[in-house]
Amino acid sequence: MKKILIINGPNLNLLGVREPEIYGDTSMEAYIDSLRQRHPRVELDYFQSNHEGAIIDQLHAVGFDNAVDGIVLNAGAYTHTSLAIADAIAAIQTPVVEVHISNVNAREEIRHRSLIAPVCRGVIAGFGMDSYRLAIEALIG
């Protein structure tokens, strides 16, 4: 059985409530339940924090010794600002796929540059909540 950790960054605890025209009206908890049903042979864990250091600590905690087979990371706004998260991803052994619910390249210019993309296995953006499913399938495929 594969084990995948989904990590969400700041403000993503508000999924289902926050700007539904951009992020939809489904909570992350409801979406994870649907992912577990779709992939019964994948153990999915979930972590969310609004704090950069907590995200880094989580990456360190699972990024070595095959604690998980892959990480799906939606770093939120930290994608565009956090060299520290990029350094943490570069330091660990576990593959990371960067995801975004919205098409960040169709949004404000500041969202067009990702500091973490160069150290991730790949990037999936713009497919709504389905971006997480696509990332999981890329990691287990």
C-alpha atoms as a PDB file:
ATOM      1  CA  MET A   1       0.000   0.000   0.000  1.00  0.00           C
ATOM      2  CA  LYS A   2       1.306   3.430  -0.961  1.00  0.00           C
ATOM      3  CA  LYS A   3       1.229   6.239   1.567  1.00  0.00           C
ATOM      4  CA  ILE A   4       0.731   9.829   0.396  1.00  0.00           C
ATOM      5  CA  LEU A   5       0.685  12.952   2.535  1.00  0.00           C
ATOM      6  CA  ILE A   6      -1.256  16.002   1.393  1.00  0.00           C
ATOM      7  CA  ILE A   7       0.046  19.242   2.888  1.00  0.00           C
ATOM      8  CA  ASN A   8      -1.938  22.451   2.549  1.00  0.00           C
ATOM      9  CA  GLY A   9      -0.613  25.871   3.426  1.00  0.00           C
ATOM     10  CA  PRO A  10      -2.151  29.142   4.565  1.00  0.00           C
ATOM     11  CA  ASN A  11      -5.843  29.853   4.180  1.00  0.00           C
ATOM     12  CA  LEU A  12      -6.558  26.445   2.690  1.00  0.00           C
ATOM     13  CA  ASN A  13      -8.303  25.497   5.922  1.00  0.00           C
ATOM     14  CA  LEU A  14     -11.062  27.716   4.500  1.00  0.00           C
ATOM     15  CA  LEU A  15     -11.747  25.567   1.423  1.00  0.00           C
ATOM     16  CA  GLY A  16     -15.462  25.319   0.815  1.00  0.00           C
ATOM     17  CA  VAL A  17     -15.985  28.770   2.323  1.00  0.00           C
ATOM     18  CA  ARG A  18     -13.227  30.967   0.902  1.00  0.00           C
ATOM     19  CA  GLU A  19     -13.837  32.547  -2.512  1.00  0.00           C
ATOM     20  CA  PRO A  20     -15.930  29.686  -3.918  1.00  0.00           C
ATOM     21  CA  GLU A  21     -15.765  31.227  -7.394  1.00  0.00           C
ATOM     22  CA  ILE A  22     -12.018  30.438  -7.378  1.00  0.00           C
ATOM     23  CA  TYR A  23     -11.701  27.492  -4.975  1.00  0.00           C
ATOM     24  CA  GLY A  24     -15.099  25.801  -5.215  1.00  0.00           C
ATOM     25  CA  ASP A  25     -17.533  24.922  -2.456  1.00  0.00           C
ATOM     26  CA  THR A  26     -16.095  21.582  -1.313  1.00  0.00           C
ATOM     27  CA  SER A  27     -14.233  21.331   1.982  1.00  0.00           C
ATOM     28  CA  MET A  28     -10.869  19.597   1.997  1.00  0.00           C
ATOM     29  CA  GLU A  29     -12.167  16.999   4.442  1.00  0.00           C
ATOM     30  CA  ALA A  30     -15.024  16.068   2.086  1.00  0.00           C
ATOM     31  CA  TYR A  31     -12.670  15.929  -0.871  1.00  0.00           C
ATOM     32  CA  ILE A  32     -10.189  13.702   0.974  1.00  0.00           C
ATOM     33  CA  ASP A  33     -13.036  11.304   1.768  1.00  0.00           C
ATOM     34  CA  SER A  34     -13.786  11.070  -1.966  1.00  0.00           C
ATOM     35  CA  LEU A  35     -10.083  10.524  -2.716  1.00  0.00           C
ATOM     36  CA  ARG A  36      -9.938   7.683  -0.195  1.00  0.00           C
ATOM     37  CA  GLN A  37     -12.941   6.045  -1.855  1.00  0.00           C
ATOM     38  CA  ARG A  38     -11.368   6.453  -5.281  1.00  0.00           C
ATOM     39  CA  HIS A  39      -7.982   5.084  -4.158  1.00  0.00           C
ATOM     40  CA  PRO A  40      -8.656   2.450  -1.478  1.00  0.00           C
ATOM     41  CA  ARG A  41      -5.133   1.055  -1.823  1.00  0.00           C
ATOM     42  CA  VAL A  42      -3.538   4.397  -0.980  1.00  0.00           C
ATOM     43  CA  GLU A  43      -3.207   5.563   2.595  1.00  0.00           C
ATOM     44  CA  LEU A  44      -3.870   9.303   2.544  1.00  0.00           C
ATOM     45  CA  ASP A  45      -2.839  11.558   5.395  1.00  0.00           C
ATOM     46  CA  TYR A  46      -3.549  15.258   5.597  1.00  0.00           C
ATOM     47  CA  PHE A  47      -1.823  18.193   7.253  1.00  0.00           C
ATOM     48  CA  GLN A  48      -2.707  21.876   7.056  1.00  0.00           C
ATOM     49  CA  SER A  49      -1.038  24.869   8.627  1.00  0.00           C
ATOM     50  CA  ASN A  50      -1.117  28.608   8.231  1.00  0.00           C
ATOM     51  CA  HIS A  51       2.453  28.723   9.586  1.00  0.00           C
ATOM     52  CA  GLU A  52       5.526  28.379   7.376  1.00  0.00           C
ATOM     53  CA  GLY A  53       7.653  26.730  10.064  1.00  0.00           C
ATOM     54  CA  ALA A  54       5.021  24.067  10.756  1.00  0.00           C
ATOM     55  CA  ILE A  55       4.961  23.144   7.057  1.00  0.00           C
ATOM     56  CA  ILE A  56       8.753  22.881   7.047  1.00  0.00           C
ATOM     57  CA  ASP A  57       8.688  20.758  10.211  1.00  0.00           C
ATOM     58  CA  GLN A  58       6.137  18.425   8.575  1.00  0.00           C
ATOM     59  CA  LEU A  59       8.279  18.085   5.424  1.00  0.00           C
ATOM     60  CA  HIS A  60      11.281  17.205   7.598  1.00  0.00           C
ATOM     61  CA  ALA A  61       9.249  14.752   9.678  1.00  0.00           C
ATOM     62  CA  VAL A  62       8.126  12.648   6.693  1.00  0.00           C
ATOM     63  CA  GLY A  63      10.779  13.383   4.092  1.00  0.00           C
ATOM     64  CA  PHE A  64      13.281  10.712   5.079  1.00  0.00           C
ATOM     65  CA  ASP A  65      13.310   6.968   5.717  1.00  0.00           C
ATOM     66  CA  ASN A  66      10.346   6.247   3.433  1.00  0.00           C
ATOM     67  CA  ALA A  67       7.865   7.570   5.994  1.00  0.00           C
ATOM     68  CA  VAL A  68       5.631   8.344   2.993  1.00  0.00           C
ATOM     69  CA  ASP A  69       5.895   7.498  -0.692  1.00  0.00           C
ATOM     70  CA  GLY A  70       5.073  11.005  -1.847  1.00  0.00           C
ATOM     71  CA  ILE A  71       3.905  14.431  -0.801  1.00  0.00           C
ATOM     72  CA  VAL A  72       1.247  16.541  -2.492  1.00  0.00           C
ATOM     73  CA  LEU A  73       1.917  20.148  -1.493  1.00  0.00           C
ATOM     74  CA  ASN A  74      -0.335  23.142  -1.975  1.00  0.00           C
ATOM     75  CA  ALA A  75       1.809  25.750  -0.258  1.00  0.00           C
ATOM     76  CA  GLY A  76      -0.716  28.492  -1.011  1.00  0.00           C
ATOM     77  CA  ALA A  77       0.856  31.945  -1.057  1.00  0.00           C
ATOM     78  CA  TYR A  78       4.107  30.487   0.348  1.00  0.00           C
ATOM     79  CA  THR A  79       4.620  29.040  -3.133  1.00  0.00           C
ATOM     80  CA  HIS A  80       5.612  32.493  -4.289  1.00  0.00           C
ATOM     81  CA  THR A  81       7.470  33.721  -1.211  1.00  0.00           C
ATOM     82  CA  SER A  82       9.112  30.904   0.727  1.00  0.00           C
ATOM     83  CA  LEU A  83      12.681  30.065  -0.088  1.00  0.00           C
ATOM     84  CA  ALA A  84      12.672  28.226   3.245  1.00  0.00           C
ATOM     85  CA  ILE A  85      10.003  25.749   2.060  1.00  0.00           C
ATOM     86  CA  ALA A  86      11.891  25.317  -1.222  1.00  0.00           C
ATOM     87  CA  ASP A  87      15.055  24.529   0.756  1.00  0.00           C
ATOM     88  CA  ALA A  88      13.152  21.993   2.876  1.00  0.00           C
ATOM     89  CA  ILE A  89      11.829  20.239  -0.241  1.00  0.00           C
ATOM     90  CA  ALA A  90      15.318  20.173  -1.762  1.00  0.00           C
ATOM     91  CA  ALA A  91      16.711  18.652   1.438  1.00  0.00           C
ATOM     92  CA  ILE A  92      14.310  15.713   1.729  1.00  0.00           C
ATOM     93  CA  GLN A  93      14.294  12.457  -0.214  1.00  0.00           C
ATOM     94  CA  THR A  94      10.536  12.017  -0.668  1.00  0.00           C
ATOM     95  CA  PRO A  95       9.164  13.276  -3.999  1.00  0.00           C
ATOM     96  CA  VAL A  96       6.902  16.323  -3.819  1.00  0.00           C
ATOM     97  CA  VAL A  97       4.298  17.420  -6.363  1.00  0.00           C
ATOM     98  CA  GLU A  98       3.243  21.074  -6.195  1.00  0.00           C
ATOM     99  CA  VAL A  99      -0.486  21.616  -6.696  1.00  0.00           C
ATOM    100  CA  HIS A 100      -2.813  24.569  -7.047  1.00  0.00           C
ATOM    101  CA  ILE A 101      -6.576  24.545  -7.292  1.00  0.00           C
ATOM    102  CA  SER A 102      -6.670  27.612  -9.519  1.00  0.00           C
ATOM    103  CA  ASN A 103      -4.615  28.320 -12.622  1.00  0.00           C
ATOM    104  CA  VAL A 104      -2.076  30.555 -10.904  1.00  0.00           C
ATOM    105  CA  ASN A 105      -0.766  31.753 -14.275  1.00  0.00           C
ATOM    106  CA  ALA A 106      -4.160  33.266 -15.060  1.00  0.00           C
ATOM    107  CA  ARG A 107      -4.182  35.234 -11.820  1.00  0.00           C
ATOM    108  CA  GLU A 108      -2.163  38.156 -10.429  1.00  0.00           C
ATOM    109  CA  GLU A 109       1.374  38.440 -11.752  1.00  0.00           C
ATOM    110  CA  ILE A 110       2.932  37.713  -8.351  1.00  0.00           C
ATOM    111  CA  ARG A 111       1.370  34.244  -8.506  1.00  0.00           C
ATOM    112  CA  HIS A 112       3.110  33.424 -11.793  1.00  0.00           C
ATOM    113  CA  ARG A 113       6.442  32.590 -10.139  1.00  0.00           C
ATOM    114  CA  SER A 114       6.885  29.553  -7.925  1.00  0.00           C
ATOM    115  CA  LEU A 115       9.934  29.311  -5.696  1.00  0.00           C
ATOM    116  CA  ILE A 116       9.179  25.658  -4.975  1.00  0.00           C
ATOM    117  CA  ALA A 117       8.547  24.352  -8.518  1.00  0.00           C
ATOM    118  CA  PRO A 118      12.258  23.871  -9.350  1.00  0.00           C
ATOM    119  CA  VAL A 119      12.672  21.417  -6.454  1.00  0.00           C
ATOM    120  CA  CYS A 120       9.394  19.526  -6.970  1.00  0.00           C
ATOM    121  CA  ARG A 121       8.865  16.430  -9.099  1.00  0.00           C
ATOM    122  CA  GLY A 122       6.151  18.303 -11.019  1.00  0.00           C
ATOM    123  CA  VAL A 123       3.432  20.941 -10.876  1.00  0.00           C
ATOM    124  CA  ILE A 124      -0.313  20.536 -11.402  1.00  0.00           C
ATOM    125  CA  ALA A 125      -2.511  23.630 -11.430  1.00  0.00           C
ATOM    126  CA  GLY A 126      -5.869  24.837 -12.588  1.00  0.00           C
ATOM    127  CA  PHE A 127      -7.968  21.684 -12.349  1.00  0.00           C
ATOM    128  CA  GLY A 128      -9.841  22.646  -9.198  1.00  0.00           C
ATOM    129  CA  MET A 129      -9.793  20.117  -6.398  1.00  0.00           C
ATOM    130  CA  ASP A 130      -9.007  17.497  -9.044  1.00  0.00           C
ATOM    131  CA  SER A 131      -5.436  18.849  -9.010  1.00  0.00           C
ATOM    132  CA  TYR A 132      -4.895  16.783  -5.841  1.00  0.00           C
ATOM    133  CA  ARG A 133      -6.162  13.593  -7.509  1.00  0.00           C
ATOM    134  CA  LEU A 134      -3.917  14.142 -10.508  1.00  0.00           C
ATOM    135  CA  ALA A 135      -0.924  14.635  -8.225  1.00  0.00           C
ATOM    136  CA  ILE A 136      -1.699  11.456  -6.280  1.00  0.00           C
ATOM    137  CA  GLU A 137      -2.014   9.489  -9.504  1.00  0.00           C
ATOM    138  CA  ALA A 138       1.307  10.897 -10.710  1.00  0.00           C
ATOM    139  CA  LEU A 139       2.994   9.790  -7.473  1.00  0.00           C
ATOM    140  CA  ILE A 140       1.512   6.286  -7.385  1.00  0.00           C
ATOM    141  CA  GLY A 141       1.716   5.694 -11.139  1.00  0.00           C
END
